[in-house]
PDB file of N, CA and C in Angstrom:
ATOM      1  N   MET A   1       6.837  39.631 172.003  1.00  0.00           N
ATOM      2  CA  MET A   1       5.598  40.185 171.411  1.00  0.00           C
ATOM      3  C   MET A   1       4.734  40.089 172.080  1.00  0.00           C
ATOM      4  N   SER A   2       3.617  40.978 172.620  1.00  0.00           N
ATOM      5  CA  SER A   2       2.512  40.926 173.185  1.00  0.00           C
ATOM      6  C   SER A   2       1.181  40.786 172.065  1.00  0.00           C
ATOM      7  N   ARG A   3       0.281  39.814 172.932  1.00  0.00           N
ATOM      8  CA  ARG A   3      -0.836  39.461 172.039  1.00  0.00           C
ATOM      9  C   ARG A   3      -1.624  40.212 171.699  1.00  0.00           C
ATOM     10  N   VAL A   4      -2.391  40.653 170.937  1.00  0.00           N
ATOM     11  CA  VAL A   4      -3.339  41.859 170.462  1.00  0.00           C
ATOM     12  C   VAL A   4      -4.841  41.581 171.147  1.00  0.00           C
ATOM     13  N   ASP A   5      -5.460  42.647 171.345  1.00  0.00           N
ATOM     14  CA  ASP A   5      -6.672  42.637 172.208  1.00  0.00           C
ATOM     15  C   ASP A   5      -7.778  42.237 171.027  1.00  0.00           C
ATOM     16  N   GLU A   6      -8.236  41.334 170.566  1.00  0.00           N
ATOM     17  CA  GLU A   6      -9.162  41.167 169.556  1.00  0.00           C
ATOM     18  C   GLU A   6     -10.454  41.930 169.824  1.00  0.00           C
ATOM     19  N   SER A   7     -10.868  42.244 170.933  1.00  0.00           N
ATOM     20  CA  SER A   7     -12.077  43.017 171.355  1.00  0.00           C
ATOM     21  C   SER A   7     -12.284  44.498 171.037  1.00  0.00           C
ATOM     22  N   THR A   8     -10.877  44.939 170.615  1.00  0.00           N
ATOM     23  CA  THR A   8     -10.649  46.524 170.638  1.00  0.00           C
ATOM     24  C   THR A   8     -11.556  46.902 169.291  1.00  0.00           C
ATOM     25  N   ALA A   9     -12.188  48.030 169.314  1.00  0.00           N
ATOM     26  CA  ALA A   9     -12.874  48.472 168.217  1.00  0.00           C
ATOM     27  C   ALA A   9     -11.569  48.718 167.083  1.00  0.00           C
ATOM     28  N   ILE A  10     -10.463  49.117 167.135  1.00  0.00           N
ATOM     29  CA  ILE A  10      -9.531  49.325 165.953  1.00  0.00           C
ATOM     30  C   ILE A  10      -9.218  47.939 165.340  1.00  0.00           C
ATOM     31  N   TYR A  11      -9.083  46.912 166.301  1.00  0.00           N
ATOM     32  CA  TYR A  11      -8.670  45.730 165.815  1.00  0.00           C
ATOM     33  C   TYR A  11      -9.752  45.033 164.983  1.00  0.00           C
ATOM     34  N   LYS A  12     -11.207  45.205 165.291  1.00  0.00           N
ATOM     35  CA  LYS A  12     -12.392  44.873 164.460  1.00  0.00           C
ATOM     36  C   LYS A  12     -12.266  45.528 162.946  1.00  0.00           C
ATOM     37  N   ILE A  13     -12.043  47.144 163.167  1.00  0.00           N
ATOM     38  CA  ILE A  13     -12.051  47.940 161.977  1.00  0.00           C
ATOM     39  C   ILE A  13     -10.910  47.476 161.171  1.00  0.00           C
ATOM     40  N   GLN A  14      -9.928  47.133 161.588  1.00  0.00           N
ATOM     41  CA  GLN A  14      -8.519  46.654 160.862  1.00  0.00           C
ATOM     42  C   GLN A  14      -9.195  45.116 160.356  1.00  0.00           C
ATOM     43  N   GLU A  15      -9.468  44.163 160.902  1.00  0.00           N
ATOM     44  CA  GLU A  15      -9.922  43.025 160.196  1.00  0.00           C
ATOM     45  C   GLU A  15     -10.892  43.254 159.232  1.00  0.00           C
ATOM     46  N   TRP A  16     -11.838  44.139 159.421  1.00  0.00           N
ATOM     47  CA  TRP A  16     -13.005  44.271 158.377  1.00  0.00           C
ATOM     48  C   TRP A  16     -12.012  45.013 157.286  1.00  0.00           C
ATOM     49  N   TYR A  17     -11.472  45.748 157.296  1.00  0.00           N
ATOM     50  CA  TYR A  17     -10.942  46.318 156.129  1.00  0.00           C
ATOM     51  C   TYR A  17      -9.686  45.460 155.365  1.00  0.00           C
ATOM     52  N   SER A  18      -8.900  44.473 156.266  1.00  0.00           N
ATOM     53  CA  SER A  18      -8.235  43.336 155.692  1.00  0.00           C
ATOM     54  C   SER A  18      -8.993  42.408 154.951  1.00  0.00           C
ATOM     55  N   SER A  19     -10.176  42.137 155.476  1.00  0.00           N
ATOM     56  CA  SER A  19     -10.875  41.253 155.074  1.00  0.00           C
ATOM     57  C   SER A  19     -11.146  41.668 153.352  1.00  0.00           C
ATOM     58  N   HIS A  20     -11.719  42.443 153.062  1.00  0.00           N
ATOM     59  CA  HIS A  20     -11.868  43.092 151.793  1.00  0.00           C
ATOM     60  C   HIS A  20     -10.810  43.238 150.778  1.00  0.00           C
ATOM     61  N   CYS A  21      -9.611  43.608 151.226  1.00  0.00           N
ATOM     62  CA  CYS A  21      -8.492  43.750 150.475  1.00  0.00           C
ATOM     63  C   CYS A  21      -7.832  42.827 149.451  1.00  0.00           C
ATOM     64  N   ASP A  22      -8.207  42.802 148.183  1.00  0.00           N
ATOM     65  CA  ASP A  22      -7.940  41.627 147.165  1.00  0.00           C
ATOM     66  C   ASP A  22      -7.234  42.035 145.991  1.00  0.00           C
ATOM     67  N   GLY A  23      -6.337  43.114 146.335  1.00  0.00           N
ATOM     68  CA  GLY A  23      -5.462  43.608 145.227  1.00  0.00           C
ATOM     69  C   GLY A  23      -6.115  44.536 144.479  1.00  0.00           C
ATOM     70  N   ASP A  24      -7.351  44.753 144.694  1.00  0.00           N
ATOM     71  CA  ASP A  24      -7.878  45.781 143.918  1.00  0.00           C
ATOM     72  C   ASP A  24      -8.740  46.783 144.599  1.00  0.00           C
ATOM     73  N   TRP A  25      -9.659  46.078 145.550  1.00  0.00           N
ATOM     74  CA  TRP A  25     -10.497  46.978 146.435  1.00  0.00           C
ATOM     75  C   TRP A  25      -9.897  48.054 147.200  1.00  0.00           C
ATOM     76  N   GLU A  26      -8.428  47.626 147.783  1.00  0.00           N
ATOM     77  CA  GLU A  26      -8.025  48.493 148.627  1.00  0.00           C
ATOM     78  C   GLU A  26      -7.550  49.783 147.882  1.00  0.00           C
ATOM     79  N   HIS A  27      -7.502  49.628 146.284  1.00  0.00           N
ATOM     80  CA  HIS A  27      -7.018  51.171 145.767  1.00  0.00           C
ATOM     81  C   HIS A  27      -7.754  52.116 145.692  1.00  0.00           C
ATOM     82  N   HIS A  28      -9.252  51.637 145.757  1.00  0.00           N
ATOM     83  CA  HIS A  28     -10.028  52.644 145.573  1.00  0.00           C
ATOM     84  C   HIS A  28     -11.309  52.945 146.698  1.00  0.00           C
ATOM     85  N   SER A  29     -10.947  52.085 147.697  1.00  0.00           N
ATOM     86  CA  SER A  29     -11.856  51.788 148.928  1.00  0.00           C
ATOM     87  C   SER A  29     -10.942  52.641 150.211  1.00  0.00           C
ATOM     88  N   ARG A  30     -11.446  53.663 150.830  1.00  0.00           N
ATOM     89  CA  ARG A  30     -10.824  53.984 151.856  1.00  0.00           C
ATOM     90  C   ARG A  30     -11.258  53.836 153.297  1.00  0.00           C
ATOM     91  N   ILE A  31     -10.365  53.984 154.209  1.00  0.00           N
ATOM     92  CA  ILE A  31     -10.801  54.587 155.343  1.00  0.00           C
ATOM     93  C   ILE A  31      -9.577  55.955 155.941  1.00  0.00           C
ATOM     94  N   SER A  32     -10.365  56.968 156.467  1.00  0.00           N
ATOM     95  CA  SER A  32      -9.501  58.196 156.977  1.00  0.00           C
ATOM     96  C   SER A  32     -10.268  58.827 158.285  1.00  0.00           C
ATOM     97  N   VAL A  33      -9.150  58.870 158.811  1.00  0.00           N
ATOM     98  CA  VAL A  33      -9.579  59.358 160.323  1.00  0.00           C
ATOM     99  C   VAL A  33      -9.024  60.495 160.504  1.00  0.00           C
ATOM    100  N   LYS A  34      -9.629  61.624 160.741  1.00  0.00           N
ATOM    101  CA  LYS A  34      -9.104  62.867 160.655  1.00  0.00           C
ATOM    102  C   LYS A  34      -9.450  63.778 162.169  1.00  0.00           C
ATOM    103  N   THR A  35      -8.705  64.741 162.263  1.00  0.00           N
ATOM    104  CA  THR A  35      -9.153  65.496 163.640  1.00  0.00           C
ATOM    105  C   THR A  35     -10.256  66.851 163.014  1.00  0.00           C
ATOM    106  N   LEU A  36     -10.817  67.175 164.118  1.00  0.00           N
ATOM    107  CA  LEU A  36     -11.596  68.596 163.574  1.00  0.00           C
ATOM    108  C   LEU A  36     -11.041  69.548 164.343  1.00  0.00           C
ATOM    109  N   ASP A  37     -11.454  70.685 163.926  1.00  0.00           N
ATOM    110  CA  ASP A  37     -10.938  71.991 164.621  1.00  0.00           C
ATOM    111  C   ASP A  37     -11.948  72.555 165.627  1.00  0.00           C
ATOM    112  N   ASN A  38     -12.862  72.032 166.032  1.00  0.00           N
ATOM    113  CA  ASN A  38     -13.819  72.196 166.659  1.00  0.00           C
ATOM    114  C   ASN A  38     -13.770  71.852 168.358  1.00  0.00           C
ATOM    115  N   PRO A  39     -12.710  71.081 169.234  1.00  0.00           N
ATOM    116  CA  PRO A  39     -12.210  69.992 168.531  1.00  0.00           C
ATOM    117  C   PRO A  39     -12.785  68.717 168.390  1.00  0.00           C
ATOM    118  N   GLY A  40     -12.751  67.797 167.825  1.00  0.00           N
ATOM    119  CA  GLY A  40     -13.235  66.731 167.539  1.00  0.00           C
ATOM    120  C   GLY A  40     -12.080  65.661 166.505  1.00  0.00           C
ATOM    121  N   TRP A  41     -13.214  64.509 166.005  1.00  0.00           N
ATOM    122  CA  TRP A  41     -12.677  63.689 165.238  1.00  0.00           C
ATOM    123  C   TRP A  41     -13.709  63.310 163.993  1.00  0.00           C
ATOM    124  N   SER A  42     -13.031  63.060 162.833  1.00  0.00           N
ATOM    125  CA  SER A  42     -14.181  62.533 161.798  1.00  0.00           C
ATOM    126  C   SER A  42     -13.480  60.882 161.197  1.00  0.00           C
ATOM    127  N   ILE A  43     -14.481  60.236 160.897  1.00  0.00           N
ATOM    128  CA  ILE A  43     -14.041  59.195 160.150  1.00  0.00           C
ATOM    129  C   ILE A  43     -14.848  59.063 158.813  1.00  0.00           C
ATOM    130  N   THR A  44     -14.168  58.662 157.608  1.00  0.00           N
ATOM    131  CA  THR A  44     -15.088  58.179 156.541  1.00  0.00           C
ATOM    132  C   THR A  44     -14.744  56.948 156.076  1.00  0.00           C
ATOM    133  N   ILE A  45     -15.372  55.889 156.064  1.00  0.00           N
ATOM    134  CA  ILE A  45     -15.490  54.603 155.478  1.00  0.00           C
ATOM    135  C   ILE A  45     -16.065  54.065 154.133  1.00  0.00           C
ATOM    136  N   ASP A  46     -15.271  54.039 153.281  1.00  0.00           N
ATOM    137  CA  ASP A  46     -15.706  53.527 151.893  1.00  0.00           C
ATOM    138  C   ASP A  46     -16.304  52.076 151.913  1.00  0.00           C
ATOM    139  N   LEU A  47     -17.929  52.124 151.749  1.00  0.00           N
ATOM    140  CA  LEU A  47     -18.170  50.800 151.729  1.00  0.00           C
ATOM    141  C   LEU A  47     -18.533  50.286 150.464  1.00  0.00           C
ATOM    142  N   GLU A  48     -18.095  50.851 149.468  1.00  0.00           N
ATOM    143  CA  GLU A  48     -18.387  50.251 147.747  1.00  0.00           C
ATOM    144  C   GLU A  48     -17.765  49.016 147.733  1.00  0.00           C
ATOM    145  N   ASP A  49     -18.633  47.879 147.223  1.00  0.00           N
ATOM    146  CA  ASP A  49     -18.231  46.594 147.000  1.00  0.00           C
ATOM    147  C   ASP A  49     -17.995  45.813 148.569  1.00  0.00           C
ATOM    148  N   THR A  50     -18.855  46.274 149.297  1.00  0.00           N
ATOM    149  CA  THR A  50     -19.034  45.311 150.778  1.00  0.00           C
ATOM    150  C   THR A  50     -20.355  44.888 150.876  1.00  0.00           C
ATOM    151  N   VAL A  51     -20.838  44.178 151.733  1.00  0.00           N
ATOM    152  CA  VAL A  51     -21.815  43.645 152.283  1.00  0.00           C
ATOM    153  C   VAL A  51     -22.604  44.739 152.995  1.00  0.00           C
ATOM    154  N   GLN A  52     -21.771  45.723 153.373  1.00  0.00           N
ATOM    155  CA  GLN A  52     -22.558  46.999 154.049  1.00  0.00           C
ATOM    156  C   GLN A  52     -23.035  47.984 153.182  1.00  0.00           C
ATOM    157  N   GLU A  53     -22.571  47.858 151.935  1.00  0.00           N
ATOM    158  CA  GLU A  53     -22.765  49.005 150.974  1.00  0.00           C
ATOM    159  C   GLU A  53     -24.360  48.883 150.489  1.00  0.00           C
ATOM    160  N   SER A  54     -25.095  47.822 151.067  1.00  0.00           N
ATOM    161  CA  SER A  54     -26.298  47.542 150.784  1.00  0.00           C
ATOM    162  C   SER A  54     -27.233  47.599 151.940  1.00  0.00           C
ATOM    163  N   GLN A  55     -26.560  47.556 152.990  1.00  0.00           N
ATOM    164  CA  GLN A  55     -27.184  47.488 154.381  1.00  0.00           C
ATOM    165  C   GLN A  55     -27.865  48.985 154.966  1.00  0.00           C
ATOM    166  N   LYS A  56     -28.910  49.098 155.829  1.00  0.00           N
ATOM    167  CA  LYS A  56     -29.387  49.933 156.416  1.00  0.00           C
ATOM    168  C   LYS A  56     -28.699  50.424 157.682  1.00  0.00           C
ATOM    169  N   PHE A  57     -28.466  51.882 157.770  1.00  0.00           N
ATOM    170  CA  PHE A  57     -27.775  52.361 158.664  1.00  0.00           C
ATOM    171  C   PHE A  57     -28.601  53.433 159.378  1.00  0.00           C
ATOM    172  N   GLU A  58     -29.093  52.949 160.606  1.00  0.00           N
ATOM    173  CA  GLU A  58     -29.960  54.086 161.388  1.00  0.00           C
ATOM    174  C   GLU A  58     -28.995  55.200 161.937  1.00  0.00           C
ATOM    175  N   GLU A  59     -29.255  56.452 161.295  1.00  0.00           N
ATOM    176  CA  GLU A  59     -28.121  57.559 161.384  1.00  0.00           C
ATOM    177  C   GLU A  59     -28.232  57.705 163.128  1.00  0.00           C
ATOM    178  N   ILE A  60     -27.112  57.984 163.975  1.00  0.00           N
ATOM    179  CA  ILE A  60     -26.853  58.249 165.213  1.00  0.00           C
ATOM    180  C   ILE A  60     -26.445  59.520 165.701  1.00  0.00           C
ATOM    181  N   LYS A  61     -27.197  60.415 166.337  1.00  0.00           N
ATOM    182  CA  LYS A  61     -26.956  61.531 166.987  1.00  0.00           C
ATOM    183  C   LYS A  61     -27.147  61.821 168.493  1.00  0.00           C
ATOM    184  N   ILE A  62     -25.832  61.960 168.808  1.00  0.00           N
ATOM    185  CA  ILE A  62     -25.826  61.971 170.411  1.00  0.00           C
ATOM    186  C   ILE A  62     -25.208  63.371 171.029  1.00  0.00           C
ATOM    187  N   ASN A  63     -26.081  64.315 171.440  1.00  0.00           N
ATOM    188  CA  ASN A  63     -25.449  65.512 171.763  1.00  0.00           C
ATOM    189  C   ASN A  63     -25.601  65.450 173.609  1.00  0.00           C
ATOM    190  N   TYR A  64     -24.433  65.876 174.009  1.00  0.00           N
ATOM    191  CA  TYR A  64     -24.104  65.586 175.499  1.00  0.00           C
ATOM    192  C   TYR A  64     -24.078  67.025 176.080  1.00  0.00           C
ATOM    193  N   ASP A  65     -23.553  67.436 176.913  1.00  0.00           N
ATOM    194  CA  ASP A  65     -23.720  68.783 177.591  1.00  0.00           C
ATOM    195  C   ASP A  65     -22.698  69.644 177.473  1.00  0.00           C
ATOM    196  N   ASP A  66     -21.485  69.162 177.015  1.00  0.00           N
ATOM    197  CA  ASP A  66     -20.399  69.875 176.354  1.00  0.00           C
ATOM    198  C   ASP A  66     -20.283  69.617 175.088  1.00  0.00           C
ATOM    199  N   GLU A  67     -19.086  70.628 174.868  1.00  0.00           N
ATOM    200  CA  GLU A  67     -18.596  70.592 173.267  1.00  0.00           C
ATOM    201  C   GLU A  67     -17.550  69.453 173.052  1.00  0.00           C
ATOM    202  N   THR A  68     -17.054  68.647 173.860  1.00  0.00           N
ATOM    203  CA  THR A  68     -16.248  67.524 174.076  1.00  0.00           C
ATOM    204  C   THR A  68     -16.849  66.234 173.581  1.00  0.00           C
ATOM    205  N   THR A  69     -18.214  66.206 173.934  1.00  0.00           N
ATOM    206  CA  THR A  69     -18.939  64.813 174.190  1.00  0.00           C
ATOM    207  C   THR A  69     -20.162  64.842 173.329  1.00  0.00           C
ATOM    208  N   TRP A  70     -19.793  64.711 171.978  1.00  0.00           N
ATOM    209  CA  TRP A  70     -21.109  64.633 170.892  1.00  0.00           C
ATOM    210  C   TRP A  70     -20.920  63.469 170.186  1.00  0.00           C
ATOM    211  N   MET A  71     -21.783  63.126 169.253  1.00  0.00           N
ATOM    212  CA  MET A  71     -21.416  61.888 168.207  1.00  0.00           C
ATOM    213  C   MET A  71     -22.316  62.176 167.116  1.00  0.00           C
ATOM    214  N   VAL A  72     -22.177  61.993 165.739  1.00  0.00           N
ATOM    215  CA  VAL A  72     -23.051  61.625 164.835  1.00  0.00           C
ATOM    216  C   VAL A  72     -22.211  60.980 163.958  1.00  0.00           C
ATOM    217  N   ILE A  73     -22.957  59.830 163.418  1.00  0.00           N
ATOM    218  CA  ILE A  73     -22.687  58.736 162.758  1.00  0.00           C
ATOM    219  C   ILE A  73     -23.996  58.575 161.707  1.00  0.00           C
ATOM    220  N   LYS A  74     -23.581  58.458 160.307  1.00  0.00           N
ATOM    221  CA  LYS A  74     -24.693  58.575 159.522  1.00  0.00           C
ATOM    222  C   LYS A  74     -24.185  57.744 157.935  1.00  0.00           C
ATOM    223  N   LYS A  75     -25.087  57.079 157.330  1.00  0.00           N
ATOM    224  CA  LYS A  75     -24.537  56.578 156.115  1.00  0.00           C
ATOM    225  C   LYS A  75     -25.413  57.252 154.958  1.00  0.00           C
ATOM    226  N   VAL A  76     -23.943  57.923 153.942  1.00  0.00           N
ATOM    227  CA  VAL A  76     -24.807  58.806 152.997  1.00  0.00           C
ATOM    228  C   VAL A  76     -24.287  57.698 151.687  1.00  0.00           C
ATOM    229  N   ASP A  77     -24.872  57.429 150.699  1.00  0.00           N
ATOM    230  CA  ASP A  77     -24.646  56.655 149.304  1.00  0.00           C
ATOM    231  C   ASP A  77     -23.850  55.470 150.072  1.00  0.00           C
ATOM    232  N   ASN A  78     -22.792  55.349 149.489  1.00  0.00           N
ATOM    233  CA  ASN A  78     -21.802  53.954 149.695  1.00  0.00           C
ATOM    234  C   ASN A  78     -20.573  54.469 150.906  1.00  0.00           C
ATOM    235  N   LYS A  79     -20.845  55.474 151.710  1.00  0.00           N
ATOM    236  CA  LYS A  79     -19.679  55.711 152.680  1.00  0.00           C
ATOM    237  C   LYS A  79     -20.658  55.816 154.260  1.00  0.00           C
ATOM    238  N   LEU A  80     -19.883  55.505 155.169  1.00  0.00           N
ATOM    239  CA  LEU A  80     -20.219  55.665 156.500  1.00  0.00           C
ATOM    240  C   LEU A  80     -19.554  56.808 156.899  1.00  0.00           C
ATOM    241  N   LEU A  81     -19.990  57.930 157.570  1.00  0.00           N
ATOM    242  CA  LEU A  81     -19.751  59.377 158.029  1.00  0.00           C
ATOM    243  C   LEU A  81     -19.806  59.404 159.557  1.00  0.00           C
ATOM    244  N   GLY A  82     -18.720  59.835 160.125  1.00  0.00           N
ATOM    245  CA  GLY A  82     -18.822  59.789 161.718  1.00  0.00           C
ATOM    246  C   GLY A  82     -18.254  61.232 162.050  1.00  0.00           C
ATOM    247  N   ALA A  83     -18.428  61.746 163.057  1.00  0.00           N
ATOM    248  CA  ALA A  83     -17.713  62.655 163.790  1.00  0.00           C
ATOM    249  C   ALA A  83     -18.125  62.817 164.971  1.00  0.00           C
ATOM    250  N   CYS A  84     -17.213  63.278 166.086  1.00  0.00           N
ATOM    251  CA  CYS A  84     -17.335  63.306 167.314  1.00  0.00           C
ATOM    252  C   CYS A  84     -16.595  64.425 167.800  1.00  0.00           C
ATOM    253  N   GLY A  85     -16.985  64.397 169.453  1.00  0.00           N
ATOM    254  CA  GLY A  85     -16.121  65.486 170.247  1.00  0.00           C
ATOM    255  C   GLY A  85     -14.674  64.784 170.514  1.00  0.00           C
ATOM    256  N   SER A  86     -13.896  65.768 171.188  1.00  0.00           N
ATOM    257  CA  SER A  86     -12.559  64.707 171.285  1.00  0.00           C
ATOM    258  C   SER A  86     -12.471  64.005 172.065  1.00  0.00           C
ATOM    259  N   ASN A  87     -13.329  63.622 173.089  1.00  0.00           N
ATOM    260  CA  ASN A  87     -13.508  62.660 174.019  1.00  0.00           C
ATOM    261  C   ASN A  87     -14.358  61.433 173.808  1.00  0.00           C
ATOM    262  N   GLU A  88     -14.830  61.400 172.443  1.00  0.00           N
ATOM    263  CA  GLU A  88     -15.560  60.153 172.310  1.00  0.00           C
ATOM    264  C   GLU A  88     -15.059  59.305 171.087  1.00  0.00           C
ATOM    265  N   LEU A  89     -14.000  59.421 170.572  1.00  0.00           N
ATOM    266  CA  LEU A  89     -13.171  58.689 169.574  1.00  0.00           C
ATOM    267  C   LEU A  89     -13.490  56.711 169.871  1.00  0.00           C
ATOM    268  N   GLU A  90     -13.103  56.658 170.994  1.00  0.00           N
ATOM    269  CA  GLU A  90     -13.333  55.386 171.284  1.00  0.00           C
ATOM    270  C   GLU A  90     -14.734  54.799 171.084  1.00  0.00           C
ATOM    271  N   LYS A  91     -15.773  55.457 171.772  1.00  0.00           N
ATOM    272  CA  LYS A  91     -16.675  55.566 171.464  1.00  0.00           C
ATOM    273  C   LYS A  91     -17.608  55.120 170.097  1.00  0.00           C
ATOM    274  N   MET A  92     -17.306  56.236 169.417  1.00  0.00           N
ATOM    275  CA  MET A  92     -17.551  56.203 167.797  1.00  0.00           C
ATOM    276  C   MET A  92     -17.069  55.112 167.156  1.00  0.00           C
ATOM    277  N   LEU A  93     -15.655  54.881 167.507  1.00  0.00           N
ATOM    278  CA  LEU A  93     -15.023  53.656 166.538  1.00  0.00           C
ATOM    279  C   LEU A  93     -15.661  52.190 167.130  1.00  0.00           C
ATOM    280  N   SER A  94     -15.883  52.424 168.432  1.00  0.00           N
ATOM    281  CA  SER A  94     -16.632  51.121 168.964  1.00  0.00           C
ATOM    282  C   SER A  94     -18.329  50.731 168.401  1.00  0.00           C
ATOM    283  N   THR A  95     -18.947  52.078 167.773  1.00  0.00           N
ATOM    284  CA  THR A  95     -19.968  51.685 167.415  1.00  0.00           C
ATOM    285  C   THR A  95     -19.859  51.390 165.959  1.00  0.00           C
ATOM    286  N   ILE A  96     -19.283  51.838 165.191  1.00  0.00           N
ATOM    287  CA  ILE A  96     -18.766  51.770 164.046  1.00  0.00           C
ATOM    288  C   ILE A  96     -18.461  50.190 163.892  1.00  0.00           C
ATOM    289  N   ALA A  97     -17.438  49.601 164.503  1.00  0.00           N
ATOM    290  CA  ALA A  97     -16.845  48.284 164.633  1.00  0.00           C
ATOM    291  C   ALA A  97     -17.981  47.192 164.985  1.00  0.00           C
ATOM    292  N   THR A  98     -19.034  47.618 165.555  1.00  0.00           N
ATOM    293  CA  THR A  98     -19.975  46.848 165.953  1.00  0.00           C
ATOM    294  C   THR A  98     -20.834  46.377 164.560  1.00  0.00           C
ATOM    295  N   TRP A  99     -21.136  47.396 164.041  1.00  0.00           N
ATOM    296  CA  TRP A  99     -22.019  47.507 162.640  1.00  0.00           C
ATOM    297  C   TRP A  99     -21.355  46.856 161.814  1.00  0.00           C
ATOM    298  N   LEU A 100     -19.986  46.991 161.628  1.00  0.00           N
ATOM    299  CA  LEU A 100     -19.265  46.495 160.472  1.00  0.00           C
ATOM    300  C   LEU A 100     -18.950  45.012 160.627  1.00  0.00           C
ATOM    301  N   GLU A 101     -18.591  44.579 161.852  1.00  0.00           N
ATOM    302  CA  GLU A 101     -18.086  43.311 162.521  1.00  0.00           C
ATOM    303  C   GLU A 101     -18.898  42.327 161.745  1.00  0.00           C
ATOM    304  N   PRO A 102     -18.184  41.061 161.096  1.00  0.00           N
ATOM    305  CA  PRO A 102     -18.883  39.882 160.821  1.00  0.00           C
ATOM    306  C   PRO A 102     -19.439  39.257 162.258  1.00  0.00           C
ATOM    307  N   ALA A 103     -20.124  38.498 161.840  1.00  0.00           N
ATOM    308  CA  ALA A 103     -21.155  37.409 162.877  1.00  0.00           C
ATOM    309  C   ALA A 103     -20.118  37.196 164.089  1.00  0.00           C
ATOM    310  N   LYS A 104     -18.941  36.453 163.517  1.00  0.00           N
ATOM    311  CA  LYS A 104     -17.808  35.889 164.298  1.00  0.00           C
ATOM    312  C   LYS A 104     -17.621  36.728 165.729  1.00  0.00           C
ATOM    313  N   TYR A 105     -17.830  37.825 165.462  1.00  0.00           N
ATOM    314  CA  TYR A 105     -17.465  38.721 167.055  1.00  0.00           C
ATOM    315  C   TYR A 105     -18.788  39.204 167.698  1.00  0.00           C
ATOM    316  N   ARG A 106     -19.705  38.723 167.391  1.00  0.00           N
ATOM    317  CA  ARG A 106     -21.070  39.136 167.902  1.00  0.00           C
ATOM    318  C   ARG A 106     -21.483  38.164 168.953  1.00  0.00           C
TER     319      ARG A 106
END
């Protein structure tokens, strides 16, 4: 079995999620990743009962030259919401993972 690359955004988000699973939290807190029809991606991360629930998040809004390269990430109440063009999923996940990640990864 190959070694997992711990530097990837997916790994860091997975670790953040797993670190909060306590038999209860995961039953009401969710992470969802979906496709958009424009085309693009969206992500919703429930921050309830996490350190990040009370942390400030400065909205990120990037518009590039075409419909596939754009990104918006913002915090609304206790949710982190992101959307991006079809070519920006890795960048969006990486930006989110950096904000979520514990100090041990920084």
